[in-house]
Each structure stands twice: as C-alpha cells, then as structure tokens.
Protein backbone atom coordinates (compact mmCIF):
# COMPACT_ATOMS: atom_id res chain seq x y z
CA UNK A 1 22.11 3.16 -12.72
CA UNK A 2 23.76 -0.10 -15.42
CA UNK A 3 26.17 0.23 -12.45
CA UNK A 4 23.90 -0.84 -9.46
CA UNK A 5 21.96 -2.91 -11.94
CA UNK A 6 25.12 -5.45 -12.32
CA UNK A 7 26.94 -4.82 -8.97
CA UNK A 8 22.74 -5.52 -6.80
CA UNK A 9 20.87 -6.77 -8.88
CA UNK A 10 21.20 -10.22 -7.92
CA UNK A 11 20.71 -9.14 -4.73
CA UNK A 12 17.51 -8.09 -4.32
CA UNK A 13 17.61 -4.55 -5.41
CA UNK A 14 15.30 -4.71 -9.17
CA UNK A 15 16.33 -1.46 -11.30
CA UNK A 16 13.74 -0.50 -13.42
CA UNK A 17 14.19 2.30 -16.12
CA UNK A 18 12.39 3.82 -19.34
CA UNK A 19 12.01 6.22 -21.98
CA UNK A 20 10.25 5.40 -24.89
CA UNK A 21 9.61 9.32 -26.18
CA UNK A 22 7.46 8.36 -28.89
CA UNK A 23 7.77 4.25 -29.36
CA UNK A 24 5.63 2.40 -31.21
CA UNK A 25 3.57 0.51 -28.90
CA UNK A 26 4.84 -2.98 -30.76
CA UNK A 27 8.53 -1.71 -30.28
CA UNK A 28 7.90 -1.03 -26.39
CA UNK A 29 6.01 -4.23 -26.47
CA UNK A 30 9.13 -6.10 -27.86
CA UNK A 31 11.29 -5.08 -25.32
CA UNK A 32 8.95 -5.89 -22.52
CA UNK A 33 9.20 -9.37 -23.77
CA UNK A 34 12.94 -9.40 -25.56
CA UNK A 35 12.87 -8.42 -21.34
CA UNK A 36 11.05 -11.33 -20.26
CA UNK A 37 9.69 -9.25 -17.57
CA UNK A 38 6.80 -10.84 -15.63
CA UNK A 39 5.64 -8.52 -13.39
CA UNK A 40 2.65 -5.96 -14.87
CA UNK A 41 4.11 -2.95 -17.33
CA UNK A 42 2.15 0.13 -17.76
CA UNK A 43 2.67 1.69 -20.98
CA UNK A 44 0.36 4.78 -20.22
CA UNK A 45 2.08 8.07 -20.03
CA UNK A 46 -0.01 11.13 -21.55
CA UNK A 47 -0.87 13.37 -18.54
CA UNK A 48 -3.26 16.08 -18.11
CA UNK A 49 -0.31 18.28 -17.82
CA UNK A 50 0.59 17.91 -21.64
CA UNK A 51 4.25 16.96 -20.54
CA UNK A 52 5.22 20.26 -18.86
CA UNK A 53 5.43 19.47 -15.83
CA UNK A 54 9.16 19.96 -14.13
CA UNK A 55 7.62 18.99 -10.71
CA UNK A 56 7.32 15.91 -11.97
CA UNK A 57 10.40 13.16 -9.48
CA UNK A 58 12.49 11.67 -11.52
CA UNK A 59 13.60 9.32 -9.73
CA UNK A 60 11.58 7.47 -7.08
CA UNK A 61 13.48 5.53 -3.95
CA UNK A 62 11.29 2.75 -1.91
CA UNK A 63 12.04 2.04 0.77
CA UNK A 64 12.63 -1.68 2.56
CA UNK A 65 9.62 -0.85 4.16
CA UNK A 66 7.46 -0.25 1.21
CA UNK A 67 8.12 3.28 1.14
CA UNK A 68 9.22 5.96 -0.71
CA UNK A 69 11.92 8.05 1.04
CA UNK A 70 13.37 10.18 -1.68
CA UNK A 71 11.54 10.90 -4.76
CA UNK A 72 13.17 14.56 -6.47
CA UNK A 73 15.61 14.92 -9.71
CA UNK A 74 18.97 14.94 -7.62
CA UNK A 75 19.84 12.54 -4.93
CA UNK A 76 18.53 9.44 -5.51
CA UNK A 77 21.59 7.67 -5.34
CA UNK A 78 22.78 8.43 -1.87
CA UNK A 79 19.13 7.18 -0.89
CA UNK A 80 18.87 4.04 -3.24
CA UNK A 81 22.62 3.34 -1.45
CA UNK A 82 21.30 3.91 1.67
CA UNK A 83 18.29 1.81 1.30
CA UNK A 84 20.83 -1.07 -0.59
CA UNK A 85 22.38 -1.70 3.25
CA UNK A 86 19.48 -2.60 5.25
CA UNK A 87 18.20 -4.66 2.15
CA UNK A 88 18.75 -8.26 2.38
CA UNK A 89 15.65 -10.27 2.21
CA UNK A 90 13.45 -7.86 -0.52
CA UNK A 91 10.02 -6.75 0.04
CA UNK A 92 9.79 -8.95 4.01
CA UNK A 93 10.19 -5.75 6.15
CA UNK A 94 12.81 -7.11 7.86
CA UNK A 95 16.58 -6.52 8.76
CA UNK A 96 16.83 -10.09 10.33
CA UNK A 97 14.62 -13.34 10.96
CA UNK A 98 15.31 -16.12 13.77
CA UNK A 99 17.69 -19.18 12.79
CA UNK A 100 14.75 -21.32 12.37
CA UNK A 101 12.90 -19.19 9.50
CA UNK A 102 16.61 -18.51 7.52
CA UNK A 103 15.43 -20.84 4.55
CA UNK A 104 11.57 -18.89 4.34
CA UNK A 105 13.44 -15.46 4.58
CA UNK A 106 16.25 -16.87 1.53
CA UNK A 107 13.29 -17.70 -0.30
CA UNK A 108 10.89 -14.79 -0.34
CA UNK A 109 14.27 -12.61 -0.43
CA UNK A 110 14.99 -14.44 -4.31
CA UNK A 111 10.86 -14.06 -4.97
CA UNK A 112 10.30 -17.71 -3.82
CA UNK A 113 6.60 -17.00 -2.65
CA UNK A 114 5.10 -20.51 -2.70
CA UNK A 115 8.29 -22.11 -1.01
CA UNK A 116 8.21 -19.25 1.83
CA UNK A 117 5.29 -19.47 2.47
CA UNK A 118 5.16 -23.43 3.07
CA UNK A 119 8.42 -23.27 4.98
CA UNK A 120 7.38 -20.67 6.95
CA UNK A 121 4.05 -21.79 7.32
CA UNK A 122 6.38 -25.17 8.92
CA UNK A 123 7.86 -23.00 12.00
CA UNK A 124 4.61 -21.29 12.45
CA UNK A 125 3.19 -24.89 12.63
CA UNK A 126 6.31 -26.34 14.86
CA UNK A 127 6.80 -26.23 18.67
CA UNK A 128 9.30 -23.28 18.15
CA UNK A 129 9.39 -20.37 20.31
CA UNK A 130 6.78 -17.53 20.67
CA UNK A 131 8.87 -14.91 19.15
CA UNK A 132 9.82 -17.16 15.69
CA UNK A 133 6.08 -18.56 15.78
CA UNK A 134 5.19 -14.89 15.44
CA UNK A 135 7.75 -13.98 13.08
CA UNK A 136 7.26 -17.36 11.14
CA UNK A 137 3.28 -16.24 10.85
CA UNK A 138 3.83 -12.26 9.88
CA UNK A 139 5.81 -13.90 6.95
CA UNK A 140 3.05 -15.80 6.10
CA UNK A 141 0.96 -13.39 6.49
CA UNK A 142 2.84 -10.95 4.03
CA UNK A 143 2.63 -13.84 1.33
CA UNK A 144 -1.08 -13.56 1.38
CA UNK A 145 -1.34 -10.00 1.66
CA UNK A 146 1.08 -9.83 -1.35
CA UNK A 147 -1.22 -12.54 -3.09
CA UNK A 148 -4.47 -10.66 -2.35
CA UNK A 149 -3.24 -7.32 -3.95
CA UNK A 150 -1.99 -8.65 -7.25
CA UNK A 151 -5.15 -10.87 -7.45
CA UNK A 152 -7.34 -7.48 -6.53
CA UNK A 153 -5.12 -5.20 -9.28
CA UNK A 154 -5.90 -7.61 -11.77
CA UNK A 155 -9.65 -7.67 -10.81
CA UNK A 156 -9.33 -4.18 -11.28
CA UNK A 157 -7.74 -4.23 -14.67
CA UNK A 158 -10.20 -6.90 -15.90
CA UNK A 159 -13.21 -4.81 -14.73
CA UNK A 160 -12.10 -0.77 -16.09
CA UNK A 161 -10.95 -3.10 -19.37
CA UNK A 162 -6.90 -2.99 -19.22
CA UNK A 163 -7.11 -6.79 -20.29
CA UNK A 164 -3.19 -6.48 -20.86
CA UNK A 165 -2.37 -5.44 -17.12
CA UNK A 166 -5.29 -7.51 -16.38
CA UNK A 167 -3.06 -10.48 -17.83
CA UNK A 168 0.39 -9.49 -16.97
CA UNK A 169 -1.41 -9.70 -13.24
CA UNK A 170 -1.94 -13.18 -13.50
CA UNK A 171 1.31 -13.94 -15.02
CA UNK A 172 3.24 -12.49 -12.57
CA UNK A 173 1.04 -14.84 -9.66
CA UNK A 174 1.53 -18.03 -11.98
CA UNK A 175 5.44 -17.23 -11.55
CA UNK A 176 5.33 -16.33 -7.95
CA UNK A 177 2.19 -17.95 -6.36
CA UNK A 178 0.88 -20.89 -7.85
CA UNK A 179 0.25 -23.29 -5.91
CA UNK A 180 -0.98 -20.86 -2.37
CA UNK A 181 -4.02 -21.56 -1.16
CA UNK A 182 -7.34 -19.48 -1.76
CA UNK A 183 -5.51 -18.52 -5.59
CA UNK A 184 -7.24 -19.59 -8.60
CA UNK A 185 -5.52 -21.44 -11.32
CA UNK A 186 -3.73 -17.94 -13.47
CA UNK A 187 -3.69 -20.36 -16.13
CA UNK A 188 -7.24 -20.22 -16.64
CA UNK A 189 -8.06 -16.70 -15.82
CA UNK A 190 -5.04 -15.25 -18.36
CA UNK A 191 -7.55 -17.78 -21.33
CA UNK A 192 -10.37 -16.33 -19.84
CA UNK A 193 -9.95 -12.99 -20.47
CA UNK A 194 -8.07 -14.08 -23.51
CA UNK A 195 -11.75 -15.91 -23.71
CA UNK A 196 -13.81 -11.94 -23.27
CA UNK A 197 -15.80 -11.05 -26.29
CA UNK A 198 -14.98 -7.47 -26.50
CA UNK A 199 -10.45 -8.77 -25.62
CA UNK A 200 -9.71 -7.98 -28.97
CA UNK A 201 -11.20 -5.11 -29.78
CA UNK A 202 -10.87 -3.78 -26.26
CA UNK A 203 -6.93 -4.37 -26.61
CA UNK A 204 -6.86 -2.87 -29.96
CA UNK A 205 -8.63 0.34 -29.24
CA UNK A 206 -5.97 0.55 -26.77
CA UNK A 207 -3.08 0.40 -29.28
CA UNK A 208 -5.11 2.72 -32.09
CA UNK A 209 -5.33 4.90 -28.97
CA UNK A 210 -1.99 4.98 -28.17
CA UNK A 211 -1.52 5.77 -32.05
CA UNK A 212 -4.12 8.76 -31.50
CA UNK A 213 -2.30 10.20 -28.20
CA UNK A 214 1.22 10.48 -31.02
CA UNK A 215 -0.84 11.92 -33.84
CA UNK A 216 -1.97 14.49 -31.44
CA UNK A 217 1.11 15.42 -29.39
CA UNK A 218 3.38 15.17 -33.43
CA UNK A 219 2.24 19.16 -34.60
CA UNK A 220 3.82 20.36 -30.84
CA UNK A 221 7.00 19.06 -31.44
CA UNK A 222 7.71 22.32 -34.15
CA UNK A 223 5.80 24.63 -32.40
CA UNK A 224 7.95 25.77 -30.90
CA UNK A 225 6.81 28.84 -28.89
CA UNK A 226 4.61 30.46 -31.78
CA UNK A 227 1.69 31.18 -30.30
CA UNK A 228 -0.37 30.42 -33.64
CA UNK A 229 1.00 27.25 -33.83
CA UNK A 230 0.11 25.76 -30.45
CA UNK A 231 -3.52 27.30 -30.51
CA UNK A 232 -4.42 24.99 -33.20
CA UNK A 233 -2.00 22.23 -32.24
CA UNK A 234 -4.31 21.52 -29.41
CA UNK A 235 -7.57 22.92 -31.29
CA UNK A 236 -6.26 19.66 -33.32
CA UNK A 237 -5.15 17.43 -30.90
CA UNK A 238 -9.05 17.82 -29.75
CA UNK A 239 -10.10 17.11 -32.48
CA UNK A 240 -8.26 13.62 -33.03
CA UNK A 241 -8.82 12.75 -29.30
CA UNK A 242 -12.83 13.49 -29.94
CA UNK A 243 -12.68 11.21 -33.29
CA UNK A 244 -11.63 8.37 -31.46
CA UNK A 245 -13.63 8.17 -28.82
CA UNK A 246 -17.02 8.25 -30.85
CA UNK A 247 -14.98 5.93 -33.47
CA UNK A 248 -14.67 4.12 -29.87
CA UNK A 249 -17.92 4.36 -27.60
CA UNK A 250 -18.42 1.07 -26.94
CA UNK A 251 -14.34 0.31 -25.82
CA UNK A 252 -13.67 2.00 -21.87
CA UNK A 253 -10.80 3.36 -23.00
CA UNK A 254 -13.28 5.70 -24.57
CA UNK A 255 -13.47 7.67 -21.34
CA UNK A 256 -9.70 8.37 -21.24
CA UNK A 257 -9.77 9.77 -24.29
CA UNK A 258 -13.03 12.34 -23.31
CA UNK A 259 -11.06 13.42 -20.34
CA UNK A 260 -7.88 14.64 -22.88
CA UNK A 261 -9.93 15.69 -25.51
CA UNK A 262 -10.96 17.83 -23.06
CA UNK A 263 -7.33 18.79 -21.53
CA UNK A 264 -6.84 19.53 -24.75
CA UNK A 265 -9.72 21.43 -25.25
CA UNK A 266 -9.33 24.23 -21.61
CA UNK A 267 -5.79 24.59 -23.47
CA UNK A 268 -6.82 26.03 -26.49
CA UNK A 269 -9.41 28.12 -24.10
CA UNK A 270 -6.53 29.29 -22.06
CA UNK A 271 -4.29 30.45 -24.57
CA UNK A 272 -7.48 31.89 -27.20
CA UNK A 273 -7.99 34.47 -24.09
CA UNK A 274 -5.03 35.31 -23.06
CA UNK A 275 -4.65 36.30 -26.52
CA UNK A 276 -7.36 38.69 -26.05
CA UNK A 277 -6.07 40.05 -22.66
CA UNK A 278 -2.76 40.54 -24.34
CA UNK A 279 -1.57 44.28 -24.94
CA UNK A 280 -2.56 45.20 -28.67
CA UNK A 281 0.78 46.67 -30.56
CA UNK A 282 1.13 50.10 -29.59
CA UNK A 283 -1.44 50.19 -26.06
CA UNK A 284 0.32 49.76 -22.84
C-alpha cells in the first residue's frame, strides 16, 4: 500500500487504508485532521455481524469506470495494477480525449473540477467538430453529476442527523466545486448546519455512542470461547445500548443504538437456546 501510494499517489490513484482497532474518536479525528483529508469520512464500524464476519472483503478495487472490479482478500494487487494502466483521468471514465479537451481532462484528473468545467464548457460552446463537442458536453455533465451527487449526500446526512458527514460533504464541495453553477455557497451551508439547535447535542450523542459501543464490545475481548462469559457479555452489551438509547431519545443516533441493542439481544437468545438444546452431561 505504501509503495503504491508513493509510486502512483501523484498520478490520480487514491489509496485509503483504515485500521483503528478501538481507538478513541478523538484520536481518529486528529489523524483525519493531520492527514488533511477533505472528502467525507465515515467513522461508524459496528454492525449486526458483531465483527465475526470472515466473508467481508478486505480489499475492494474500484475500476476507472466506477465499478467494483475486485472484492476479496487475495489478488487485489493484480486487479489494482490492471486498473492503474487504464487511469489517466481519474473518475472521468475516458481512456483518451480529443486534443481540444486535453487541458480540461488534465484539470479533471487532478481534481480541479471548476477549472475543468470552465474549459470543457468553452469547448462545448465553440466551433469544434460534433464529436469533440459531444465529449466536452459529456465532461460538463460528468462534473455536474458529481457535484449533484455530493450535494445530495450532504442533504441526506443532514436529514439523518449525521451533521459531521454533511459538513464533510460541503467541505469537499468547497475544495473542488466552489463557483459551479447551481451550487450554494459551501461556507454558508457549513455555517448554517453548525448553527442548528441540535447540532452540538447530536454531535455529542454520536461521540458518546461510539464510546458506548466500545464499552459494549470490550467484555468480548476477554470472554474467549467461554459460553457463560460470551452470554454475559451479550446481555451486558444489550443493556449498555439500551441505556444509551433511553438517555438520548431525542438524538437521531438513538435509532441505531436500538438496532444494535436488538442485535445483541437476539444473539443472547440464540446462545441461551443453544445451551438448552445441547445434550446434558452423560446423555447422547
């Protein structure tokens, strides 16, 4: 990963790795800030699978056309290198462009989308051949589609109370799309979100939710294969999540806590049912 980033990081390949292993949210956020990451970052990672999910893919490789070309624990290097050979203008989806659009394509590949949009729009409004104009219009539409998608994500995150992700989306729009038509001022949108009455409370609740989930999972680290300890840990985890949800009823994140609580409760019931069904000592 380090070698790929060193050799291809300035050629459009973005390598993102994440291994936090129960680090505090403060440490994760500091790392994100130190790395100057501007695109949306999701910090949630506790799922109904309770981490016991060996079928989860370790590495996903997304090709130049935006589709997943590899999703497995092995063989990602070959898939990544194969796609790298195709990458010239990341996210544009074109292996070659007409000469009048070379500057626009280069700007696009480097993430300078406003500049690329202006250059491509100029070509589209010019007197080039139909094929060149068609490609220019496609580039303009591609940039506008990316802008709209990111804006919709910001709206969805805001509606769901994931304000930190909504702010991250607007920060990405500010960094790469500011000045495009039909785009509100990202700085004003960020300020508006942060001024919401429940912004601080929701953010605090999400921080506390992460702490609650860590507390819920911690007993499993020492439970090993002891069925009694695992059962006790599952019941304890459900209680921790229930208390959090009860204490944060007004927060959007309480719904997620209820779901995780139910997951642990189902797990505990499954363990109890298995214990009841198991043959007693001395019985077949």
